Amino acid sequence: MKRVGFFFFAMLLAAVIASGVAVVYQRHQGRTLFVELTRLNRERDEMNFEYGRLQLEQSTWAEPNRIEQVARGQLGMVGALPAETVVIRR
């Protein structure tokens, strides 16, 4: 009878130790995942900021006045005169 009690006690002790190790592992894993989540949120925020900056830059470069300046200055283009304009209709 003492042998069965000792075996039962040893099994309970092993279960408690395994449970404790599992709790420690899960807490560590939770903290690791939280650190990763925080890093990814920061990276997302930085990317959103960069995306907004790039949209503003694109809208600046696509201004009709700027395009006309580049066309006239760098490419030597000029606007068509009314006499040179041909309207095509179906």
PDB file of N, CA and C in Angstrom:
ATOM      1  N   MET A   1       0.815  -1.186   0.000  1.00  0.00           N
ATOM      2  CA  MET A   1       0.000   0.000   0.000  1.00  0.00           C
ATOM      3  C   MET A   1       0.868   1.264   0.000  1.00  0.00           C
ATOM      4  N   LYS A   2       1.989   1.202   0.755  1.00  0.00           N
ATOM      5  CA  LYS A   2       2.873   2.361   0.783  1.00  0.00           C
ATOM      6  C   LYS A   2       3.462   2.626  -0.592  1.00  0.00           C
ATOM      7  N   ARG A   3       3.694   1.594  -1.336  1.00  0.00           N
ATOM      8  CA  ARG A   3       4.280   1.725  -2.672  1.00  0.00           C
ATOM      9  C   ARG A   3       3.322   2.451  -3.619  1.00  0.00           C
ATOM     10  N   VAL A   4       2.034   2.148  -3.527  1.00  0.00           N
ATOM     11  CA  VAL A   4       1.035   2.804  -4.366  1.00  0.00           C
ATOM     12  C   VAL A   4       0.930   4.280  -3.993  1.00  0.00           C
ATOM     13  N   GLY A   5       0.968   4.592  -2.703  1.00  0.00           N
ATOM     14  CA  GLY A   5       0.912   5.980  -2.241  1.00  0.00           C
ATOM     15  C   GLY A   5       2.121   6.765  -2.711  1.00  0.00           C
ATOM     16  N   PHE A   6       3.310   6.154  -2.649  1.00  0.00           N
ATOM     17  CA  PHE A   6       4.522   6.824  -3.119  1.00  0.00           C
ATOM     18  C   PHE A   6       4.453   7.092  -4.620  1.00  0.00           C
ATOM     19  N   PHE A   7       3.973   6.092  -5.377  1.00  0.00           N
ATOM     20  CA  PHE A   7       3.836   6.246  -6.835  1.00  0.00           C
ATOM     21  C   PHE A   7       2.849   7.369  -7.164  1.00  0.00           C
ATOM     22  N   PHE A   8       1.723   7.398  -6.439  1.00  0.00           N
ATOM     23  CA  PHE A   8       0.713   8.438  -6.639  1.00  0.00           C
ATOM     24  C   PHE A   8       1.296   9.821  -6.319  1.00  0.00           C
ATOM     25  N   PHE A   9       2.049   9.927  -5.218  1.00  0.00           N
ATOM     26  CA  PHE A   9       2.683  11.185  -4.842  1.00  0.00           C
ATOM     27  C   PHE A   9       3.698  11.625  -5.897  1.00  0.00           C
ATOM     28  N   ALA A  10       4.496  10.683  -6.410  1.00  0.00           N
ATOM     29  CA  ALA A  10       5.495  10.992  -7.433  1.00  0.00           C
ATOM     30  C   ALA A  10       4.808  11.481  -8.716  1.00  0.00           C
ATOM     31  N   MET A  11       3.703  10.885  -9.082  1.00  0.00           N
ATOM     32  CA  MET A  11       2.971  11.301 -10.292  1.00  0.00           C
ATOM     33  C   MET A  11       2.406  12.716 -10.105  1.00  0.00           C
ATOM     34  N   LEU A  12       1.836  12.980  -8.920  1.00  0.00           N
ATOM     35  CA  LEU A  12       1.305  14.321  -8.649  1.00  0.00           C
ATOM     36  C   LEU A  12       2.415  15.359  -8.660  1.00  0.00           C
ATOM     37  N   LEU A  13       3.565  15.027  -8.081  1.00  0.00           N
ATOM     38  CA  LEU A  13       4.703  15.944  -8.075  1.00  0.00           C
ATOM     39  C   LEU A  13       5.175  16.226  -9.497  1.00  0.00           C
ATOM     40  N   ALA A  14       5.262  15.207 -10.327  1.00  0.00           N
ATOM     41  CA  ALA A  14       5.667  15.388 -11.720  1.00  0.00           C
ATOM     42  C   ALA A  14       4.650  16.253 -12.472  1.00  0.00           C
ATOM     43  N   ALA A  15       3.369  16.054 -12.194  1.00  0.00           N
ATOM     44  CA  ALA A  15       2.327  16.845 -12.853  1.00  0.00           C
ATOM     45  C   ALA A  15       2.417  18.314 -12.433  1.00  0.00           C
ATOM     46  N   VAL A  16       2.684  18.571 -11.151  1.00  0.00           N
ATOM     47  CA  VAL A  16       2.813  19.950 -10.667  1.00  0.00           C
ATOM     48  C   VAL A  16       4.031  20.614 -11.298  1.00  0.00           C
ATOM     49  N   ILE A  17       5.149  19.907 -11.351  1.00  0.00           N
ATOM     50  CA  ILE A  17       6.368  20.464 -11.960  1.00  0.00           C
ATOM     51  C   ILE A  17       6.142  20.741 -13.443  1.00  0.00           C
ATOM     52  N   ALA A  18       5.524  19.800 -14.155  1.00  0.00           N
ATOM     53  CA  ALA A  18       5.246  19.996 -15.580  1.00  0.00           C
ATOM     54  C   ALA A  18       4.302  21.172 -15.786  1.00  0.00           C
ATOM     55  N   SER A  19       3.322  21.306 -14.932  1.00  0.00           N
ATOM     56  CA  SER A  19       2.380  22.424 -15.029  1.00  0.00           C
ATOM     57  C   SER A  19       3.103  23.751 -14.797  1.00  0.00           C
ATOM     58  N   GLY A  20       3.996  23.785 -13.812  1.00  0.00           N
ATOM     59  CA  GLY A  20       4.770  24.996 -13.544  1.00  0.00           C
ATOM     60  C   GLY A  20       5.655  25.382 -14.716  1.00  0.00           C
ATOM     61  N   VAL A  21       6.321  24.401 -15.297  1.00  0.00           N
ATOM     62  CA  VAL A  21       7.169  24.661 -16.464  1.00  0.00           C
ATOM     63  C   VAL A  21       6.315  25.163 -17.628  1.00  0.00           C
ATOM     64  N   ALA A  22       5.144  24.586 -17.819  1.00  0.00           N
ATOM     65  CA  ALA A  22       4.257  25.020 -18.901  1.00  0.00           C
ATOM     66  C   ALA A  22       3.800  26.461 -18.697  1.00  0.00           C
ATOM     67  N   VAL A  23       3.506  26.836 -17.457  1.00  0.00           N
ATOM     68  CA  VAL A  23       3.083  28.216 -17.167  1.00  0.00           C
ATOM     69  C   VAL A  23       4.222  29.179 -17.474  1.00  0.00           C
ATOM     70  N   VAL A  24       5.429  28.857 -17.034  1.00  0.00           N
ATOM     71  CA  VAL A  24       6.581  29.723 -17.290  1.00  0.00           C
ATOM     72  C   VAL A  24       6.816  29.851 -18.793  1.00  0.00           C
ATOM     73  N   TYR A  25       6.741  28.755 -19.519  1.00  0.00           N
ATOM     74  CA  TYR A  25       6.951  28.777 -20.968  1.00  0.00           C
ATOM     75  C   TYR A  25       5.892  29.643 -21.656  1.00  0.00           C
ATOM     76  N   GLN A  26       4.639  29.488 -21.266  1.00  0.00           N
ATOM     77  CA  GLN A  26       3.567  30.266 -21.894  1.00  0.00           C
ATOM     78  C   GLN A  26       3.714  31.755 -21.600  1.00  0.00           C
ATOM     79  N   ARG A  27       4.110  32.110 -20.393  1.00  0.00           N
ATOM     80  CA  ARG A  27       4.326  33.532 -20.067  1.00  0.00           C
ATOM     81  C   ARG A  27       5.470  34.097 -20.886  1.00  0.00           C
ATOM     82  N   HIS A  28       6.535  33.336 -21.016  1.00  0.00           N
ATOM     83  CA  HIS A  28       7.672  33.782 -21.828  1.00  0.00           C
ATOM     84  C   HIS A  28       7.248  33.957 -23.286  1.00  0.00           C
ATOM     85  N   GLN A  29       6.515  32.992 -23.787  1.00  0.00           N
ATOM     86  CA  GLN A  29       6.048  33.072 -25.172  1.00  0.00           C
ATOM     87  C   GLN A  29       5.115  34.273 -25.355  1.00  0.00           C
ATOM     88  N   GLY A  30       4.237  34.532 -24.399  1.00  0.00           N
ATOM     89  CA  GLY A  30       3.345  35.689 -24.472  1.00  0.00           C
ATOM     90  C   GLY A  30       4.114  36.993 -24.488  1.00  0.00           C
ATOM     91  N   ARG A  31       5.139  37.104 -23.652  1.00  0.00           N
ATOM     92  CA  ARG A  31       5.954  38.326 -23.627  1.00  0.00           C
ATOM     93  C   ARG A  31       6.721  38.496 -24.932  1.00  0.00           C
ATOM     94  N   THR A  32       7.255  37.401 -25.445  1.00  0.00           N
ATOM     95  CA  THR A  32       7.982  37.466 -26.718  1.00  0.00           C
ATOM     96  C   THR A  32       7.054  37.926 -27.838  1.00  0.00           C
ATOM     97  N   LEU A  33       5.849  37.382 -27.883  1.00  0.00           N
ATOM     98  CA  LEU A  33       4.892  37.772 -28.913  1.00  0.00           C
ATOM     99  C   LEU A  33       4.446  39.221 -28.747  1.00  0.00           C
ATOM    100  N   PHE A  34       4.327  39.690 -27.500  1.00  0.00           N
ATOM    101  CA  PHE A  34       3.958  41.081 -27.267  1.00  0.00           C
ATOM    102  C   PHE A  34       5.054  42.024 -27.765  1.00  0.00           C
ATOM    103  N   VAL A  35       6.311  41.669 -27.519  1.00  0.00           N
ATOM    104  CA  VAL A  35       7.429  42.479 -28.022  1.00  0.00           C
ATOM    105  C   VAL A  35       7.395  42.523 -29.544  1.00  0.00           C
ATOM    106  N   GLU A  36       7.141  41.394 -30.174  1.00  0.00           N
ATOM    107  CA  GLU A  36       7.056  41.335 -31.642  1.00  0.00           C
ATOM    108  C   GLU A  36       5.891  42.176 -32.152  1.00  0.00           C
ATOM    109  N   LEU A  37       4.747  42.102 -31.472  1.00  0.00           N
ATOM    110  CA  LEU A  37       3.582  42.901 -31.857  1.00  0.00           C
ATOM    111  C   LEU A  37       3.893  44.391 -31.756  1.00  0.00           C
ATOM    112  N   THR A  38       4.554  44.797 -30.692  1.00  0.00           N
ATOM    113  CA  THR A  38       4.920  46.198 -30.515  1.00  0.00           C
ATOM    114  C   THR A  38       5.855  46.657 -31.633  1.00  0.00           C
ATOM    115  N   ARG A  39       6.825  45.829 -31.969  1.00  0.00           N
ATOM    116  CA  ARG A  39       7.761  46.166 -33.042  1.00  0.00           C
ATOM    117  C   ARG A  39       7.038  46.303 -34.377  1.00  0.00           C
ATOM    118  N   LEU A  40       6.127  45.377 -34.656  1.00  0.00           N
ATOM    119  CA  LEU A  40       5.383  45.421 -35.916  1.00  0.00           C
ATOM    120  C   LEU A  40       4.449  46.628 -35.977  1.00  0.00           C
ATOM    121  N   ASN A  41       3.835  46.994 -34.856  1.00  0.00           N
ATOM    122  CA  ASN A  41       2.985  48.192 -34.823  1.00  0.00           C
ATOM    123  C   ASN A  41       3.805  49.445 -35.103  1.00  0.00           C
ATOM    124  N   ARG A  42       4.997  49.519 -34.523  1.00  0.00           N
ATOM    125  CA  ARG A  42       5.878  50.667 -34.759  1.00  0.00           C
ATOM    126  C   ARG A  42       6.287  50.720 -36.234  1.00  0.00           C
ATOM    127  N   GLU A  43       6.618  49.562 -36.793  1.00  0.00           N
ATOM    128  CA  GLU A  43       6.998  49.497 -38.205  1.00  0.00           C
ATOM    129  C   GLU A  43       5.829  49.907 -39.101  1.00  0.00           C
ATOM    130  N   ARG A  44       4.604  49.457 -38.751  1.00  0.00           N
ATOM    131  CA  ARG A  44       3.417  49.849 -39.514  1.00  0.00           C
ATOM    132  C   ARG A  44       3.211  51.358 -39.471  1.00  0.00           C
ATOM    133  N   ASP A  45       3.372  51.952 -38.296  1.00  0.00           N
ATOM    134  CA  ASP A  45       3.203  53.393 -38.161  1.00  0.00           C
ATOM    135  C   ASP A  45       4.237  54.153 -38.994  1.00  0.00           C
ATOM    136  N   GLU A  46       5.474  53.675 -38.983  1.00  0.00           N
ATOM    137  CA  GLU A  46       6.518  54.310 -39.795  1.00  0.00           C
ATOM    138  C   GLU A  46       6.195  54.199 -41.282  1.00  0.00           C
ATOM    139  N   MET A  47       5.698  53.053 -41.694  1.00  0.00           N
ATOM    140  CA  MET A  47       5.349  52.865 -43.104  1.00  0.00           C
ATOM    141  C   MET A  47       4.157  53.742 -43.501  1.00  0.00           C
ATOM    142  N   ASN A  48       3.178  53.873 -42.613  1.00  0.00           N
ATOM    143  CA  ASN A  48       2.044  54.761 -42.897  1.00  0.00           C
ATOM    144  C   ASN A  48       2.507  56.204 -43.038  1.00  0.00           C
ATOM    145  N   PHE A  49       3.438  56.629 -42.182  1.00  0.00           N
ATOM    146  CA  PHE A  49       3.982  57.980 -42.276  1.00  0.00           C
ATOM    147  C   PHE A  49       4.713  58.171 -43.601  1.00  0.00           C
ATOM    148  N   GLU A  50       5.538  57.192 -43.967  1.00  0.00           N
ATOM    149  CA  GLU A  50       6.282  57.265 -45.234  1.00  0.00           C
ATOM    150  C   GLU A  50       5.327  57.271 -46.423  1.00  0.00           C
ATOM    151  N   TYR A  51       4.259  56.474 -46.351  1.00  0.00           N
ATOM    152  CA  TYR A  51       3.280  56.427 -47.438  1.00  0.00           C
ATOM    153  C   TYR A  51       2.602  57.793 -47.607  1.00  0.00           C
ATOM    154  N   GLY A  52       2.238  58.418 -46.508  1.00  0.00           N
ATOM    155  CA  GLY A  52       1.633  59.745 -46.578  1.00  0.00           C
ATOM    156  C   GLY A  52       2.587  60.764 -47.171  1.00  0.00           C
ATOM    157  N   ARG A  53       3.861  60.681 -46.781  1.00  0.00           N
ATOM    158  CA  ARG A  53       4.870  61.584 -47.329  1.00  0.00           C
ATOM    159  C   ARG A  53       5.030  61.363 -48.828  1.00  0.00           C
ATOM    160  N   LEU A  54       5.044  60.115 -49.252  1.00  0.00           N
ATOM    161  CA  LEU A  54       5.182  59.811 -50.677  1.00  0.00           C
ATOM    162  C   LEU A  54       3.960  60.267 -51.471  1.00  0.00           C
ATOM    163  N   GLN A  55       2.766  60.150 -50.898  1.00  0.00           N
ATOM    164  CA  GLN A  55       1.573  60.640 -51.584  1.00  0.00           C
ATOM    165  C   GLN A  55       1.645  62.149 -51.769  1.00  0.00           C
ATOM    166  N   LEU A  56       2.099  62.849 -50.749  1.00  0.00           N
ATOM    167  CA  LEU A  56       2.243  64.305 -50.844  1.00  0.00           C
ATOM    168  C   LEU A  56       3.279  64.673 -51.896  1.00  0.00           C
ATOM    169  N   GLU A  57       4.389  63.943 -51.908  1.00  0.00           N
ATOM    170  CA  GLU A  57       5.429  64.199 -52.903  1.00  0.00           C
ATOM    171  C   GLU A  57       4.910  63.934 -54.315  1.00  0.00           C
ATOM    172  N   GLN A  58       4.152  62.853 -54.478  1.00  0.00           N
ATOM    173  CA  GLN A  58       3.603  62.534 -55.802  1.00  0.00           C
ATOM    174  C   GLN A  58       2.648  63.626 -56.263  1.00  0.00           C
ATOM    175  N   SER A  59       1.811  64.103 -55.373  1.00  0.00           N
ATOM    176  CA  SER A  59       0.869  65.144 -55.771  1.00  0.00           C
ATOM    177  C   SER A  59       1.606  66.434 -56.118  1.00  0.00           C
ATOM    178  N   THR A  60       2.722  66.688 -55.459  1.00  0.00           N
ATOM    179  CA  THR A  60       3.524  67.876 -55.778  1.00  0.00           C
ATOM    180  C   THR A  60       4.152  67.739 -57.159  1.00  0.00           C
ATOM    181  N   TRP A  61       4.710  66.578 -57.454  1.00  0.00           N
ATOM    182  CA  TRP A  61       5.346  66.362 -58.759  1.00  0.00           C
ATOM    183  C   TRP A  61       4.318  66.321 -59.885  1.00  0.00           C
ATOM    184  N   ALA A  62       3.083  65.963 -59.579  1.00  0.00           N
ATOM    185  CA  ALA A  62       2.063  65.828 -60.625  1.00  0.00           C
ATOM    186  C   ALA A  62       1.251  67.111 -60.829  1.00  0.00           C
ATOM    187  N   GLU A  63       1.639  68.205 -60.180  1.00  0.00           N
ATOM    188  CA  GLU A  63       0.936  69.481 -60.370  1.00  0.00           C
ATOM    189  C   GLU A  63       0.981  69.875 -61.844  1.00  0.00           C
ATOM    190  N   PRO A  64      -0.150  70.264 -62.423  1.00  0.00           N
ATOM    191  CA  PRO A  64      -0.154  70.658 -63.836  1.00  0.00           C
ATOM    192  C   PRO A  64       0.831  71.794 -64.150  1.00  0.00           C
ATOM    193  N   ASN A  65       0.972  72.764 -63.256  1.00  0.00           N
ATOM    194  CA  ASN A  65       1.912  73.857 -63.505  1.00  0.00           C
ATOM    195  C   ASN A  65       3.349  73.360 -63.564  1.00  0.00           C
ATOM    196  N   ARG A  66       3.694  72.425 -62.681  1.00  0.00           N
ATOM    197  CA  ARG A  66       5.056  71.887 -62.689  1.00  0.00           C
ATOM    198  C   ARG A  66       5.315  71.075 -63.949  1.00  0.00           C
ATOM    199  N   ILE A  67       4.338  70.290 -64.365  1.00  0.00           N
ATOM    200  CA  ILE A  67       4.499  69.496 -65.590  1.00  0.00           C
ATOM    201  C   ILE A  67       4.689  70.422 -66.789  1.00  0.00           C
ATOM    202  N   GLU A  68       3.928  71.497 -66.811  1.00  0.00           N
ATOM    203  CA  GLU A  68       4.076  72.448 -67.911  1.00  0.00           C
ATOM    204  C   GLU A  68       5.457  73.103 -67.880  1.00  0.00           C
ATOM    205  N   GLN A  69       5.939  73.454 -66.701  1.00  0.00           N
ATOM    206  CA  GLN A  69       7.279  74.047 -66.579  1.00  0.00           C
ATOM    207  C   GLN A  69       8.350  73.103 -67.110  1.00  0.00           C
ATOM    208  N   VAL A  70       8.278  71.830 -66.738  1.00  0.00           N
ATOM    209  CA  VAL A  70       9.268  70.851 -67.197  1.00  0.00           C
ATOM    210  C   VAL A  70       9.151  70.661 -68.703  1.00  0.00           C
ATOM    211  N   ALA A  71       7.913  70.592 -69.207  1.00  0.00           N
ATOM    212  CA  ALA A  71       7.712  70.395 -70.647  1.00  0.00           C
ATOM    213  C   ALA A  71       8.298  71.563 -71.435  1.00  0.00           C
ATOM    214  N   ARG A  72       8.080  72.773 -70.968  1.00  0.00           N
ATOM    215  CA  ARG A  72       8.601  73.947 -71.685  1.00  0.00           C
ATOM    216  C   ARG A  72      10.108  74.101 -71.486  1.00  0.00           C
ATOM    217  N   GLY A  73      10.578  73.955 -70.248  1.00  0.00           N
ATOM    218  CA  GLY A  73      11.984  74.220 -69.942  1.00  0.00           C
ATOM    219  C   GLY A  73      12.926  73.122 -70.391  1.00  0.00           C
ATOM    220  N   GLN A  74      12.663  71.902 -70.004  1.00  0.00           N
ATOM    221  CA  GLN A  74      13.600  70.807 -70.276  1.00  0.00           C
ATOM    222  C   GLN A  74      13.366  70.151 -71.628  1.00  0.00           C
ATOM    223  N   LEU A  75      12.112  70.088 -72.067  1.00  0.00           N
ATOM    224  CA  LEU A  75      11.806  69.385 -73.314  1.00  0.00           C
ATOM    225  C   LEU A  75      11.587  70.341 -74.486  1.00  0.00           C
ATOM    226  N   GLY A  76      11.507  71.640 -74.210  1.00  0.00           N
ATOM    227  CA  GLY A  76      11.328  72.617 -75.290  1.00  0.00           C
ATOM    228  C   GLY A  76       9.961  72.542 -75.946  1.00  0.00           C
ATOM    229  N   MET A  77       8.974  72.070 -75.237  1.00  0.00           N
ATOM    230  CA  MET A  77       7.632  71.955 -75.817  1.00  0.00           C
ATOM    231  C   MET A  77       6.902  73.287 -75.691  1.00  0.00           C
ATOM    232  N   VAL A  78       5.988  73.536 -76.613  1.00  0.00           N
ATOM    233  CA  VAL A  78       5.156  74.736 -76.573  1.00  0.00           C
ATOM    234  C   VAL A  78       3.710  74.322 -76.793  1.00  0.00           C
ATOM    235  N   GLY A  79       2.818  75.180 -76.327  1.00  0.00           N
ATOM    236  CA  GLY A  79       1.405  74.896 -76.526  1.00  0.00           C
ATOM    237  C   GLY A  79       1.011  75.044 -77.997  1.00  0.00           C
ATOM    238  N   ALA A  80       0.044  74.268 -78.416  1.00  0.00           N
ATOM    239  CA  ALA A  80      -0.418  74.339 -79.809  1.00  0.00           C
ATOM    240  C   ALA A  80      -1.266  75.595 -79.994  1.00  0.00           C
ATOM    241  N   LEU A  81      -1.079  76.233 -81.131  1.00  0.00           N
ATOM    242  CA  LEU A  81      -1.898  77.394 -81.475  1.00  0.00           C
ATOM    243  C   LEU A  81      -3.268  76.924 -81.906  1.00  0.00           C
ATOM    244  N   PRO A  82      -4.282  77.758 -81.778  1.00  0.00           N
ATOM    245  CA  PRO A  82      -5.626  77.344 -82.196  1.00  0.00           C
ATOM    246  C   PRO A  82      -5.686  76.921 -83.663  1.00  0.00           C
ATOM    247  N   ALA A  83      -4.903  77.543 -84.510  1.00  0.00           N
ATOM    248  CA  ALA A  83      -4.909  77.180 -85.938  1.00  0.00           C
ATOM    249  C   ALA A  83      -4.308  75.799 -86.169  1.00  0.00           C
ATOM    250  N   GLU A  84      -3.452  75.344 -85.260  1.00  0.00           N
ATOM    251  CA  GLU A  84      -2.803  74.040 -85.409  1.00  0.00           C
ATOM    252  C   GLU A  84      -3.611  72.912 -84.766  1.00  0.00           C
ATOM    253  N   THR A  85      -4.682  73.253 -84.097  1.00  0.00           N
ATOM    254  CA  THR A  85      -5.482  72.266 -83.384  1.00  0.00           C
ATOM    255  C   THR A  85      -6.520  71.657 -84.322  1.00  0.00           C
ATOM    256  N   VAL A  86      -6.587  70.356 -84.333  1.00  0.00           N
ATOM    257  CA  VAL A  86      -7.560  69.643 -85.159  1.00  0.00           C
ATOM    258  C   VAL A  86      -8.434  68.818 -84.229  1.00  0.00           C
ATOM    259  N   VAL A  87      -9.749  68.970 -84.376  1.00  0.00           N
ATOM    260  CA  VAL A  87     -10.701  68.218 -83.566  1.00  0.00           C
ATOM    261  C   VAL A  87     -11.223  67.056 -84.399  1.00  0.00           C
ATOM    262  N   ILE A  88     -11.148  65.872 -83.886  1.00  0.00           N
ATOM    263  CA  ILE A  88     -11.595  64.672 -84.601  1.00  0.00           C
ATOM    264  C   ILE A  88     -12.830  64.152 -83.892  1.00  0.00           C
ATOM    265  N   ARG A  89     -13.894  63.951 -84.665  1.00  0.00           N
ATOM    266  CA  ARG A  89     -15.138  63.422 -84.100  1.00  0.00           C
ATOM    267  C   ARG A  89     -15.523  62.156 -84.810  1.00  0.00           C
ATOM    268  N   ARG A  90     -16.255  61.351 -84.174  1.00  0.00           N
ATOM    269  CA  ARG A  90     -16.723  60.101 -84.770  1.00  0.00           C
ATOM    270  C   ARG A  90     -17.939  60.303 -85.615  1.00  0.00           C
TER     271      ARG A  90
END
